[in-house]
Amino acid sequence: MLLCSDRYCNLLLQRLTHGMPSFHDFGRKTPATALDLGCGEGHWALHAANVWKNCQITAMDLVNILHPSFETSENVHFVQGNL
């Protein structure tokens, strides 16, 4: 059930921000780096990597339960650990 919540939360964010990964309006300039703490399956990180092609995204979580498509994305890096 929690994994579904992660996916639905990402879909809600996309609807609220008109498909952008952030509420902040970066304009034409996209961020160089982004951090997703507590990434879960990595839905937000994958979406951000797709929208921000030149952004290096680091996704971090306690456990590795990543979505299989995570392996094919070149600008996303996963770190397993605890702060």
PDB file of N, CA and C in Angstrom:
ATOM      1  N   MET A   1       0.814  -1.190   0.000  1.00  0.00           N
ATOM      2  CA  MET A   1       0.000   0.000   0.000  1.00  0.00           C
ATOM      3  C   MET A   1       0.864   1.264   0.000  1.00  0.00           C
ATOM      4  N   LEU A   2       1.961   1.246   0.756  1.00  0.00           N
ATOM      5  CA  LEU A   2       2.818   2.428   0.811  1.00  0.00           C
ATOM      6  C   LEU A   2       3.467   2.726  -0.532  1.00  0.00           C
ATOM      7  N   LEU A   3       3.801   1.678  -1.282  1.00  0.00           N
ATOM      8  CA  LEU A   3       4.406   1.901  -2.593  1.00  0.00           C
ATOM      9  C   LEU A   3       3.414   2.554  -3.543  1.00  0.00           C
ATOM     10  N   CYS A   4       2.145   2.201  -3.433  1.00  0.00           N
ATOM     11  CA  CYS A   4       1.119   2.859  -4.250  1.00  0.00           C
ATOM     12  C   CYS A   4       1.009   4.325  -3.870  1.00  0.00           C
ATOM     13  N   SER A   5       1.138   4.635  -2.587  1.00  0.00           N
ATOM     14  CA  SER A   5       1.077   6.022  -2.129  1.00  0.00           C
ATOM     15  C   SER A   5       2.202   6.845  -2.738  1.00  0.00           C
ATOM     16  N   ASP A   6       3.395   6.250  -2.841  1.00  0.00           N
ATOM     17  CA  ASP A   6       4.532   6.938  -3.445  1.00  0.00           C
ATOM     18  C   ASP A   6       4.236   7.294  -4.899  1.00  0.00           C
ATOM     19  N   ARG A   7       3.681   6.350  -5.624  1.00  0.00           N
ATOM     20  CA  ARG A   7       3.351   6.573  -7.035  1.00  0.00           C
ATOM     21  C   ARG A   7       2.242   7.613  -7.185  1.00  0.00           C
ATOM     22  N   TYR A   8       1.208   7.504  -6.365  1.00  0.00           N
ATOM     23  CA  TYR A   8       0.091   8.450  -6.442  1.00  0.00           C
ATOM     24  C   TYR A   8       0.507   9.855  -6.015  1.00  0.00           C
ATOM     25  N   CYS A   9       1.391   9.956  -5.044  1.00  0.00           N
ATOM     26  CA  CYS A   9       1.902  11.267  -4.620  1.00  0.00           C
ATOM     27  C   CYS A   9       2.637  11.941  -5.773  1.00  0.00           C
ATOM     28  N   ASN A  10       3.440  11.171  -6.511  1.00  0.00           N
ATOM     29  CA  ASN A  10       4.153  11.719  -7.659  1.00  0.00           C
ATOM     30  C   ASN A  10       3.181  12.147  -8.759  1.00  0.00           C
ATOM     31  N   LEU A  11       2.144  11.350  -9.002  1.00  0.00           N
ATOM     32  CA  LEU A  11       1.146  11.721 -10.014  1.00  0.00           C
ATOM     33  C   LEU A  11       0.399  12.990  -9.619  1.00  0.00           C
ATOM     34  N   LEU A  12       0.079  13.133  -8.333  1.00  0.00           N
ATOM     35  CA  LEU A  12      -0.579  14.343  -7.850  1.00  0.00           C
ATOM     36  C   LEU A  12       0.323  15.557  -8.032  1.00  0.00           C
ATOM     37  N   LEU A  13       1.603  15.426  -7.691  1.00  0.00           N
ATOM     38  CA  LEU A  13       2.550  16.522  -7.879  1.00  0.00           C
ATOM     39  C   LEU A  13       2.612  16.940  -9.342  1.00  0.00           C
ATOM     40  N   GLN A  14       2.637  15.978 -10.244  1.00  0.00           N
ATOM     41  CA  GLN A  14       2.676  16.297 -11.674  1.00  0.00           C
ATOM     42  C   GLN A  14       1.431  17.064 -12.112  1.00  0.00           C
ATOM     43  N   ARG A  15       0.276  16.683 -11.580  1.00  0.00           N
ATOM     44  CA  ARG A  15      -0.964  17.392 -11.941  1.00  0.00           C
ATOM     45  C   ARG A  15      -0.967  18.809 -11.382  1.00  0.00           C
ATOM     46  N   LEU A  16      -0.482  18.973 -10.162  1.00  0.00           N
ATOM     47  CA  LEU A  16      -0.487  20.297  -9.533  1.00  0.00           C
ATOM     48  C   LEU A  16       0.536  21.249 -10.153  1.00  0.00           C
ATOM     49  N   THR A  17       1.593  20.705 -10.723  1.00  0.00           N
ATOM     50  CA  THR A  17       2.666  21.532 -11.278  1.00  0.00           C
ATOM     51  C   THR A  17       2.694  21.500 -12.802  1.00  0.00           C
ATOM     52  N   HIS A  18       1.636  21.004 -13.415  1.00  0.00           N
ATOM     53  CA  HIS A  18       1.513  20.941 -14.879  1.00  0.00           C
ATOM     54  C   HIS A  18       2.663  20.152 -15.511  1.00  0.00           C
ATOM     55  N   GLY A  19       3.030  19.030 -14.877  1.00  0.00           N
ATOM     56  CA  GLY A  19       4.032  18.129 -15.426  1.00  0.00           C
ATOM     57  C   GLY A  19       5.464  18.413 -15.015  1.00  0.00           C
ATOM     58  N   MET A  20       5.677  19.477 -14.268  1.00  0.00           N
ATOM     59  CA  MET A  20       7.030  19.792 -13.813  1.00  0.00           C
ATOM     60  C   MET A  20       7.325  19.042 -12.510  1.00  0.00           C
ATOM     61  N   PRO A  21       8.598  18.738 -12.225  1.00  0.00           N
ATOM     62  CA  PRO A  21       8.922  17.991 -11.012  1.00  0.00           C
ATOM     63  C   PRO A  21       8.992  18.847  -9.742  1.00  0.00           C
ATOM     64  N   SER A  22       8.808  20.144  -9.856  1.00  0.00           N
ATOM     65  CA  SER A  22       8.961  21.023  -8.693  1.00  0.00           C
ATOM     66  C   SER A  22       7.925  22.137  -8.727  1.00  0.00           C
ATOM     67  N   PHE A  23       7.562  22.642  -7.548  1.00  0.00           N
ATOM     68  CA  PHE A  23       6.681  23.807  -7.479  1.00  0.00           C
ATOM     69  C   PHE A  23       7.426  25.084  -7.866  1.00  0.00           C
ATOM     70  N   HIS A  24       8.740  25.068  -7.748  1.00  0.00           N
ATOM     71  CA  HIS A  24       9.538  26.240  -8.111  1.00  0.00           C
ATOM     72  C   HIS A  24       9.609  26.366  -9.628  1.00  0.00           C
ATOM     73  N   ASP A  25       9.428  27.565 -10.119  1.00  0.00           N
ATOM     74  CA  ASP A  25       9.512  27.820 -11.556  1.00  0.00           C
ATOM     75  C   ASP A  25      10.956  28.187 -11.907  1.00  0.00           C
ATOM     76  N   PHE A  26      11.664  27.258 -12.504  1.00  0.00           N
ATOM     77  CA  PHE A  26      13.052  27.490 -12.895  1.00  0.00           C
ATOM     78  C   PHE A  26      13.147  28.237 -14.222  1.00  0.00           C
ATOM     79  N   GLY A  27      12.035  28.416 -14.890  1.00  0.00           N
ATOM     80  CA  GLY A  27      12.061  29.063 -16.196  1.00  0.00           C
ATOM     81  C   GLY A  27      12.748  28.158 -17.205  1.00  0.00           C
ATOM     82  N   ARG A  28      13.575  28.752 -18.033  1.00  0.00           N
ATOM     83  CA  ARG A  28      14.301  27.952 -19.037  1.00  0.00           C
ATOM     84  C   ARG A  28      15.538  27.286 -18.459  1.00  0.00           C
ATOM     85  N   LYS A  29      16.017  27.790 -17.332  1.00  0.00           N
ATOM     86  CA  LYS A  29      17.206  27.222 -16.703  1.00  0.00           C
ATOM     87  C   LYS A  29      16.784  26.121 -15.734  1.00  0.00           C
ATOM     88  N   THR A  30      17.310  24.937 -15.918  1.00  0.00           N
ATOM     89  CA  THR A  30      16.998  23.815 -15.027  1.00  0.00           C
ATOM     90  C   THR A  30      18.111  23.649 -14.007  1.00  0.00           C
ATOM     91  N   PRO A  31      17.826  23.016 -12.874  1.00  0.00           N
ATOM     92  CA  PRO A  31      18.868  22.830 -11.865  1.00  0.00           C
ATOM     93  C   PRO A  31      19.975  21.892 -12.357  1.00  0.00           C
ATOM     94  N   ALA A  32      21.175  22.101 -11.857  1.00  0.00           N
ATOM     95  CA  ALA A  32      22.301  21.243 -12.229  1.00  0.00           C
ATOM     96  C   ALA A  32      22.266  19.938 -11.444  1.00  0.00           C
ATOM     97  N   THR A  33      21.794  19.995 -10.201  1.00  0.00           N
ATOM     98  CA  THR A  33      21.697  18.809  -9.354  1.00  0.00           C
ATOM     99  C   THR A  33      20.389  18.843  -8.577  1.00  0.00           C
ATOM    100  N   ALA A  34      19.930  17.660  -8.181  1.00  0.00           N
ATOM    101  CA  ALA A  34      18.732  17.541  -7.347  1.00  0.00           C
ATOM    102  C   ALA A  34      18.904  16.338  -6.435  1.00  0.00           C
ATOM    103  N   LEU A  35      18.309  16.411  -5.246  1.00  0.00           N
ATOM    104  CA  LEU A  35      18.399  15.341  -4.262  1.00  0.00           C
ATOM    105  C   LEU A  35      16.998  14.908  -3.864  1.00  0.00           C
ATOM    106  N   ASP A  36      16.753  13.617  -3.900  1.00  0.00           N
ATOM    107  CA  ASP A  36      15.475  13.040  -3.488  1.00  0.00           C
ATOM    108  C   ASP A  36      15.731  12.147  -2.281  1.00  0.00           C
ATOM    109  N   LEU A  37      15.494  12.700  -1.082  1.00  0.00           N
ATOM    110  CA  LEU A  37      15.681  11.927   0.151  1.00  0.00           C
ATOM    111  C   LEU A  37      14.425  11.124   0.437  1.00  0.00           C
ATOM    112  N   GLY A  38      14.608   9.845   0.768  1.00  0.00           N
ATOM    113  CA  GLY A  38      13.462   8.978   0.993  1.00  0.00           C
ATOM    114  C   GLY A  38      12.740   8.695  -0.300  1.00  0.00           C
ATOM    115  N   CYS A  39      13.497   8.306  -1.311  1.00  0.00           N
ATOM    116  CA  CYS A  39      12.971   8.210  -2.684  1.00  0.00           C
ATOM    117  C   CYS A  39      11.989   7.070  -2.902  1.00  0.00           C
ATOM    118  N   GLY A  40      11.933   6.090  -2.010  1.00  0.00           N
ATOM    119  CA  GLY A  40      11.027   4.958  -2.236  1.00  0.00           C
ATOM    120  C   GLY A  40      11.397   4.226  -3.505  1.00  0.00           C
ATOM    121  N   GLU A  41      10.437   4.037  -4.385  1.00  0.00           N
ATOM    122  CA  GLU A  41      10.712   3.371  -5.666  1.00  0.00           C
ATOM    123  C   GLU A  41      11.392   4.292  -6.665  1.00  0.00           C
ATOM    124  N   GLY A  42      11.443   5.567  -6.382  1.00  0.00           N
ATOM    125  CA  GLY A  42      12.142   6.516  -7.243  1.00  0.00           C
ATOM    126  C   GLY A  42      11.293   7.140  -8.317  1.00  0.00           C
ATOM    127  N   HIS A  43       9.981   7.173  -8.142  1.00  0.00           N
ATOM    128  CA  HIS A  43       9.096   7.749  -9.159  1.00  0.00           C
ATOM    129  C   HIS A  43       9.417   9.220  -9.434  1.00  0.00           C
ATOM    130  N   TRP A  44       9.615  10.009  -8.354  1.00  0.00           N
ATOM    131  CA  TRP A  44       9.898  11.428  -8.571  1.00  0.00           C
ATOM    132  C   TRP A  44      11.247  11.590  -9.261  1.00  0.00           C
ATOM    133  N   ALA A  45      12.254  10.843  -8.833  1.00  0.00           N
ATOM    134  CA  ALA A  45      13.596  10.960  -9.423  1.00  0.00           C
ATOM    135  C   ALA A  45      13.563  10.608 -10.912  1.00  0.00           C
ATOM    136  N   LEU A  46      12.830   9.581 -11.278  1.00  0.00           N
ATOM    137  CA  LEU A  46      12.724   9.207 -12.693  1.00  0.00           C
ATOM    138  C   LEU A  46      12.001  10.274 -13.500  1.00  0.00           C
ATOM    139  N   HIS A  47      10.943  10.826 -12.931  1.00  0.00           N
ATOM    140  CA  HIS A  47      10.215  11.887 -13.626  1.00  0.00           C
ATOM    141  C   HIS A  47      11.105  13.120 -13.793  1.00  0.00           C
ATOM    142  N   ALA A  48      11.794  13.510 -12.731  1.00  0.00           N
ATOM    143  CA  ALA A  48      12.683  14.678 -12.799  1.00  0.00           C
ATOM    144  C   ALA A  48      13.800  14.451 -13.815  1.00  0.00           C
ATOM    145  N   ALA A  49      14.343  13.242 -13.864  1.00  0.00           N
ATOM    146  CA  ALA A  49      15.404  12.931 -14.835  1.00  0.00           C
ATOM    147  C   ALA A  49      14.896  13.023 -16.260  1.00  0.00           C
ATOM    148  N   ASN A  50      13.646  12.682 -16.463  1.00  0.00           N
ATOM    149  CA  ASN A  50      13.054  12.754 -17.790  1.00  0.00           C
ATOM    150  C   ASN A  50      12.801  14.202 -18.214  1.00  0.00           C
ATOM    151  N   VAL A  51      12.378  15.043 -17.282  1.00  0.00           N
ATOM    152  CA  VAL A  51      12.081  16.444 -17.594  1.00  0.00           C
ATOM    153  C   VAL A  51      13.361  17.275 -17.640  1.00  0.00           C
ATOM    154  N   TRP A  52      14.226  17.093 -16.645  1.00  0.00           N
ATOM    155  CA  TRP A  52      15.484  17.845 -16.558  1.00  0.00           C
ATOM    156  C   TRP A  52      16.619  16.957 -17.079  1.00  0.00           C
ATOM    157  N   LYS A  53      16.793  16.914 -18.366  1.00  0.00           N
ATOM    158  CA  LYS A  53      17.770  16.009 -19.001  1.00  0.00           C
ATOM    159  C   LYS A  53      19.214  16.271 -18.576  1.00  0.00           C
ATOM    160  N   ASN A  54      19.565  17.530 -18.276  1.00  0.00           N
ATOM    161  CA  ASN A  54      20.948  17.869 -17.926  1.00  0.00           C
ATOM    162  C   ASN A  54      21.192  17.906 -16.427  1.00  0.00           C
ATOM    163  N   CYS A  55      20.224  17.523 -15.629  1.00  0.00           N
ATOM    164  CA  CYS A  55      20.331  17.556 -14.172  1.00  0.00           C
ATOM    165  C   CYS A  55      20.812  16.199 -13.652  1.00  0.00           C
ATOM    166  N   GLN A  56      21.800  16.214 -12.773  1.00  0.00           N
ATOM    167  CA  GLN A  56      22.256  14.991 -12.122  1.00  0.00           C
ATOM    168  C   GLN A  56      21.446  14.815 -10.835  1.00  0.00           C
ATOM    169  N   ILE A  57      20.689  13.737 -10.750  1.00  0.00           N
ATOM    170  CA  ILE A  57      19.780  13.511  -9.635  1.00  0.00           C
ATOM    171  C   ILE A  57      20.306  12.380  -8.770  1.00  0.00           C
ATOM    172  N   THR A  58      20.360  12.629  -7.476  1.00  0.00           N
ATOM    173  CA  THR A  58      20.741  11.618  -6.505  1.00  0.00           C
ATOM    174  C   THR A  58      19.510  11.240  -5.707  1.00  0.00           C
ATOM    175  N   ALA A  59      19.183   9.970  -5.701  1.00  0.00           N
ATOM    176  CA  ALA A  59      18.056   9.450  -4.940  1.00  0.00           C
ATOM    177  C   ALA A  59      18.599   8.624  -3.784  1.00  0.00           C
ATOM    178  N   MET A  60      18.066   8.851  -2.578  1.00  0.00           N
ATOM    179  CA  MET A  60      18.581   8.154  -1.402  1.00  0.00           C
ATOM    180  C   MET A  60      17.432   7.568  -0.592  1.00  0.00           C
ATOM    181  N   ASP A  61      17.640   6.339  -0.111  1.00  0.00           N
ATOM    182  CA  ASP A  61      16.645   5.699   0.745  1.00  0.00           C
ATOM    183  C   ASP A  61      17.342   4.664   1.630  1.00  0.00           C
ATOM    184  N   LEU A  62      16.621   4.220   2.669  1.00  0.00           N
ATOM    185  CA  LEU A  62      17.159   3.197   3.567  1.00  0.00           C
ATOM    186  C   LEU A  62      17.270   1.830   2.900  1.00  0.00           C
ATOM    187  N   VAL A  63      16.320   1.530   2.025  1.00  0.00           N
ATOM    188  CA  VAL A  63      16.295   0.224   1.359  1.00  0.00           C
ATOM    189  C   VAL A  63      16.237   0.416  -0.152  1.00  0.00           C
ATOM    190  N   ASN A  64      16.720  -0.567  -0.859  1.00  0.00           N
ATOM    191  CA  ASN A  64      16.724  -0.509  -2.316  1.00  0.00           C
ATOM    192  C   ASN A  64      15.479  -1.229  -2.847  1.00  0.00           C
ATOM    193  N   ILE A  65      14.435  -0.450  -3.129  1.00  0.00           N
ATOM    194  CA  ILE A  65      13.199  -0.992  -3.710  1.00  0.00           C
ATOM    195  C   ILE A  65      12.881  -0.259  -5.008  1.00  0.00           C
ATOM    196  N   LEU A  66      13.920   0.104  -5.728  1.00  0.00           N
ATOM    197  CA  LEU A  66      13.771   0.945  -6.911  1.00  0.00           C
ATOM    198  C   LEU A  66      12.987   0.285  -8.027  1.00  0.00           C
ATOM    199  N   HIS A  67      12.328   1.129  -8.788  1.00  0.00           N
ATOM    200  CA  HIS A  67      11.606   0.702  -9.988  1.00  0.00           C
ATOM    201  C   HIS A  67      12.635   0.187 -11.002  1.00  0.00           C
ATOM    202  N   PRO A  68      12.342  -0.887 -11.741  1.00  0.00           N
ATOM    203  CA  PRO A  68      13.310  -1.449 -12.699  1.00  0.00           C
ATOM    204  C   PRO A  68      13.834  -0.460 -13.740  1.00  0.00           C
ATOM    205  N   SER A  69      13.034   0.523 -14.127  1.00  0.00           N
ATOM    206  CA  SER A  69      13.490   1.476 -15.144  1.00  0.00           C
ATOM    207  C   SER A  69      14.563   2.418 -14.607  1.00  0.00           C
ATOM    208  N   PHE A  70      14.848   2.350 -13.324  1.00  0.00           N
ATOM    209  CA  PHE A  70      15.886   3.177 -12.712  1.00  0.00           C
ATOM    210  C   PHE A  70      17.255   2.864 -13.316  1.00  0.00           C
ATOM    211  N   GLU A  71      17.477   1.611 -13.671  1.00  0.00           N
ATOM    212  CA  GLU A  71      18.780   1.174 -14.194  1.00  0.00           C
ATOM    213  C   GLU A  71      19.093   1.764 -15.563  1.00  0.00           C
ATOM    214  N   THR A  72      18.103   2.144 -16.330  1.00  0.00           N
ATOM    215  CA  THR A  72      18.340   2.645 -17.683  1.00  0.00           C
ATOM    216  C   THR A  72      18.491   4.157 -17.744  1.00  0.00           C
ATOM    217  N   SER A  73      18.231   4.840 -16.644  1.00  0.00           N
ATOM    218  CA  SER A  73      18.340   6.298 -16.627  1.00  0.00           C
ATOM    219  C   SER A  73      19.776   6.704 -16.316  1.00  0.00           C
ATOM    220  N   GLU A  74      20.352   7.516 -17.177  1.00  0.00           N
ATOM    221  CA  GLU A  74      21.767   7.865 -17.047  1.00  0.00           C
ATOM    222  C   GLU A  74      22.043   9.010 -16.078  1.00  0.00           C
ATOM    223  N   ASN A  75      21.073   9.879 -15.838  1.00  0.00           N
ATOM    224  CA  ASN A  75      21.348  11.035 -14.983  1.00  0.00           C
ATOM    225  C   ASN A  75      20.766  10.882 -13.581  1.00  0.00           C
ATOM    226  N   VAL A  76      20.511   9.631 -13.157  1.00  0.00           N
ATOM    227  CA  VAL A  76      20.035   9.358 -11.800  1.00  0.00           C
ATOM    228  C   VAL A  76      20.987   8.380 -11.134  1.00  0.00           C
ATOM    229  N   HIS A  77      21.332   8.682  -9.878  1.00  0.00           N
ATOM    230  CA  HIS A  77      22.239   7.831  -9.099  1.00  0.00           C
ATOM    231  C   HIS A  77      21.550   7.506  -7.792  1.00  0.00           C
ATOM    232  N   PHE A  78      21.583   6.237  -7.376  1.00  0.00           N
ATOM    233  CA  PHE A  78      20.952   5.819  -6.132  1.00  0.00           C
ATOM    234  C   PHE A  78      22.000   5.603  -5.053  1.00  0.00           C
ATOM    235  N   VAL A  79      21.694   6.084  -3.842  1.00  0.00           N
ATOM    236  CA  VAL A  79      22.549   5.868  -2.681  1.00  0.00           C
ATOM    237  C   VAL A  79      21.692   5.246  -1.597  1.00  0.00           C
ATOM    238  N   GLN A  80      22.146   4.099  -1.088  1.00  0.00           N
ATOM    239  CA  GLN A  80      21.418   3.459   0.011  1.00  0.00           C
ATOM    240  C   GLN A  80      22.119   3.819   1.303  1.00  0.00           C
ATOM    241  N   GLY A  81      21.363   4.361   2.260  1.00  0.00           N
ATOM    242  CA  GLY A  81      21.967   4.732   3.526  1.00  0.00           C
ATOM    243  C   GLY A  81      21.000   5.414   4.464  1.00  0.00           C
ATOM    244  N   ASN A  82      21.527   5.826   5.596  1.00  0.00           N
ATOM    245  CA  ASN A  82      20.758   6.479   6.644  1.00  0.00           C
ATOM    246  C   ASN A  82      21.488   7.752   7.052  1.00  0.00           C
ATOM    247  N   LEU A  83      20.752   8.834   7.161  1.00  0.00           N
ATOM    248  CA  LEU A  83      21.370  10.083   7.596  1.00  0.00           C
ATOM    249  C   LEU A  83      21.577  10.043   9.077  1.00  0.00           C
TER     250      LEU A  83
END
